[in-house]
Amino acid sequence: MGRMAVLAITTEQLEREFVRVFGDGEHVPDKLWVETFHNDCSYIRAVYAKDFPNGAVDRLLYLKRSLLQLYGDAETNVAIVVFLHDAGWDDFAAHRLNIHLAR
C-alpha cells in the first residue's frame, strides 16, 4: 500500500492547534473538524453560522499550514471547506457516511 496523502492527526492534536490559532478569541468558527476522503485528501471543515469575518480566511489558512507542517508530508493534500450555516452534527455524520458509501 502506498503512502497516505492525508493528515495523520488525533483529536487532541487538532484541539491543541485550534487553541493556539484561535485562542485569542478572534475569528473563531462555531465548529471545526478534520475528516478524510479515503487516502486522497483531508478536509478542514469549519462552520461560521453567525458571520464570516474578514480575518477568518487568514486564520484557516494559517491552521492548514500548521497542520501540514506538523502532521503531513510532501504527499498530503488538505482542502478547507467553510459552511455558512450549521446543519448539526447528525447531518454532518450522515454526510461523511455517504461520502464513504457513494459508488
Protein backbone atom coordinates (compact mmCIF):
# COMPACT_ATOMS: atom_id res chain seq x y z
CA MET A 1 0.00 0.00 0.00
CA GLY A 2 1.28 3.49 -0.87
CA ARG A 3 1.68 6.42 1.44
CA MET A 4 -1.41 8.19 2.68
CA ALA A 5 -1.96 11.69 1.35
CA VAL A 6 -3.93 12.73 4.44
CA LEU A 7 -3.16 14.34 7.78
CA ALA A 8 -2.08 11.87 10.46
CA ILE A 9 -3.71 13.77 13.33
CA THR A 10 -5.57 12.95 16.54
CA THR A 11 -8.41 14.92 18.10
CA GLU A 12 -6.08 16.07 20.88
CA GLN A 13 -3.52 17.34 18.36
CA LEU A 14 -6.19 19.21 16.41
CA GLU A 15 -7.52 20.73 19.62
CA ARG A 16 -4.05 21.91 20.63
CA GLU A 17 -3.51 23.65 17.27
CA PHE A 18 -7.05 25.07 17.28
CA VAL A 19 -6.43 26.69 20.68
CA ARG A 20 -3.07 28.03 19.50
CA VAL A 21 -4.54 29.58 16.32
CA PHE A 22 -7.90 30.79 17.68
CA GLY A 23 -7.07 31.14 21.38
CA ASP A 24 -7.22 34.94 21.30
CA GLY A 25 -10.94 34.71 20.52
CA GLU A 26 -10.68 36.31 17.08
CA HIS A 27 -12.38 34.77 14.02
CA VAL A 28 -13.29 31.57 15.89
CA PRO A 29 -15.53 29.16 13.93
CA ASP A 30 -18.61 27.74 15.61
CA LYS A 31 -17.31 24.24 14.82
CA LEU A 32 -14.17 22.87 13.23
CA TRP A 33 -13.08 19.32 12.47
CA VAL A 34 -10.85 17.35 10.12
CA GLU A 35 -12.04 14.44 8.04
CA THR A 36 -10.52 12.46 5.21
CA PHE A 37 -11.69 11.08 1.94
CA HIS A 38 -10.15 7.61 1.70
CA ASN A 39 -6.37 8.13 1.43
CA ASP A 40 -6.62 11.01 -1.02
CA CYS A 41 -7.35 14.22 0.86
CA SER A 42 -8.01 15.71 4.27
CA TYR A 43 -10.66 18.37 4.76
CA ILE A 44 -10.59 21.07 7.40
CA ARG A 45 -14.29 21.81 7.79
CA ALA A 46 -15.39 24.94 9.61
CA VAL A 47 -18.84 26.33 10.41
CA TYR A 48 -19.31 30.10 10.62
CA ALA A 49 -23.08 30.25 11.14
CA LYS A 50 -23.30 33.76 12.60
CA ASP A 51 -20.89 35.64 10.36
CA PHE A 52 -17.74 35.01 8.36
CA PRO A 53 -15.29 37.75 9.42
CA ASN A 54 -12.62 39.07 7.07
CA GLY A 55 -9.73 37.57 9.03
CA ALA A 56 -11.24 34.07 9.17
CA VAL A 57 -9.70 33.02 5.86
CA ASP A 58 -6.23 34.01 7.03
CA ARG A 59 -6.67 32.07 10.27
CA LEU A 60 -7.92 28.96 8.47
CA LEU A 61 -5.01 29.11 6.01
CA TYR A 62 -2.61 29.51 8.93
CA LEU A 63 -4.16 26.48 10.64
CA LYS A 64 -3.84 24.49 7.41
CA ARG A 65 -0.14 25.37 7.05
CA SER A 66 0.47 24.48 10.69
CA LEU A 67 -1.29 21.12 10.44
CA LEU A 68 0.56 20.28 7.23
CA GLN A 69 3.90 21.10 8.82
CA LEU A 70 3.19 19.10 11.98
CA TYR A 71 1.10 16.16 10.73
CA GLY A 72 1.54 15.93 6.99
CA ASP A 73 4.25 15.22 4.48
CA ALA A 74 5.02 16.09 0.85
CA GLU A 75 2.14 13.87 -0.33
CA THR A 76 -0.52 15.32 1.99
CA ASN A 77 -3.48 17.11 0.40
CA VAL A 78 -5.63 19.41 2.53
CA ALA A 79 -8.69 21.42 1.49
CA ILE A 80 -10.61 23.94 3.58
CA VAL A 81 -14.41 23.83 3.46
CA VAL A 82 -16.46 26.59 5.09
CA PHE A 83 -20.15 26.19 5.91
CA LEU A 84 -22.14 29.40 6.37
CA HIS A 85 -24.93 27.60 8.23
CA ASP A 86 -24.95 24.89 10.83
CA ALA A 87 -26.69 21.71 9.72
CA GLY A 88 -25.99 19.95 13.03
CA TRP A 89 -23.72 17.05 13.92
CA ASP A 90 -26.19 14.35 12.82
CA ASP A 91 -26.35 15.82 9.32
CA PHE A 92 -22.56 16.05 9.11
CA ALA A 93 -22.17 12.46 10.32
CA ALA A 94 -24.65 11.30 7.66
CA HIS A 95 -22.79 13.34 5.05
CA ARG A 96 -19.48 11.73 5.97
CA LEU A 97 -21.01 8.26 5.89
CA ASN A 98 -22.46 8.95 2.45
CA ILE A 99 -19.07 10.09 1.14
CA HIS A 100 -17.60 6.74 2.04
CA LEU A 101 -20.56 4.72 0.76
CA ALA A 102 -21.18 6.51 -2.54
CA ARG A 103 -20.38 4.43 -5.59
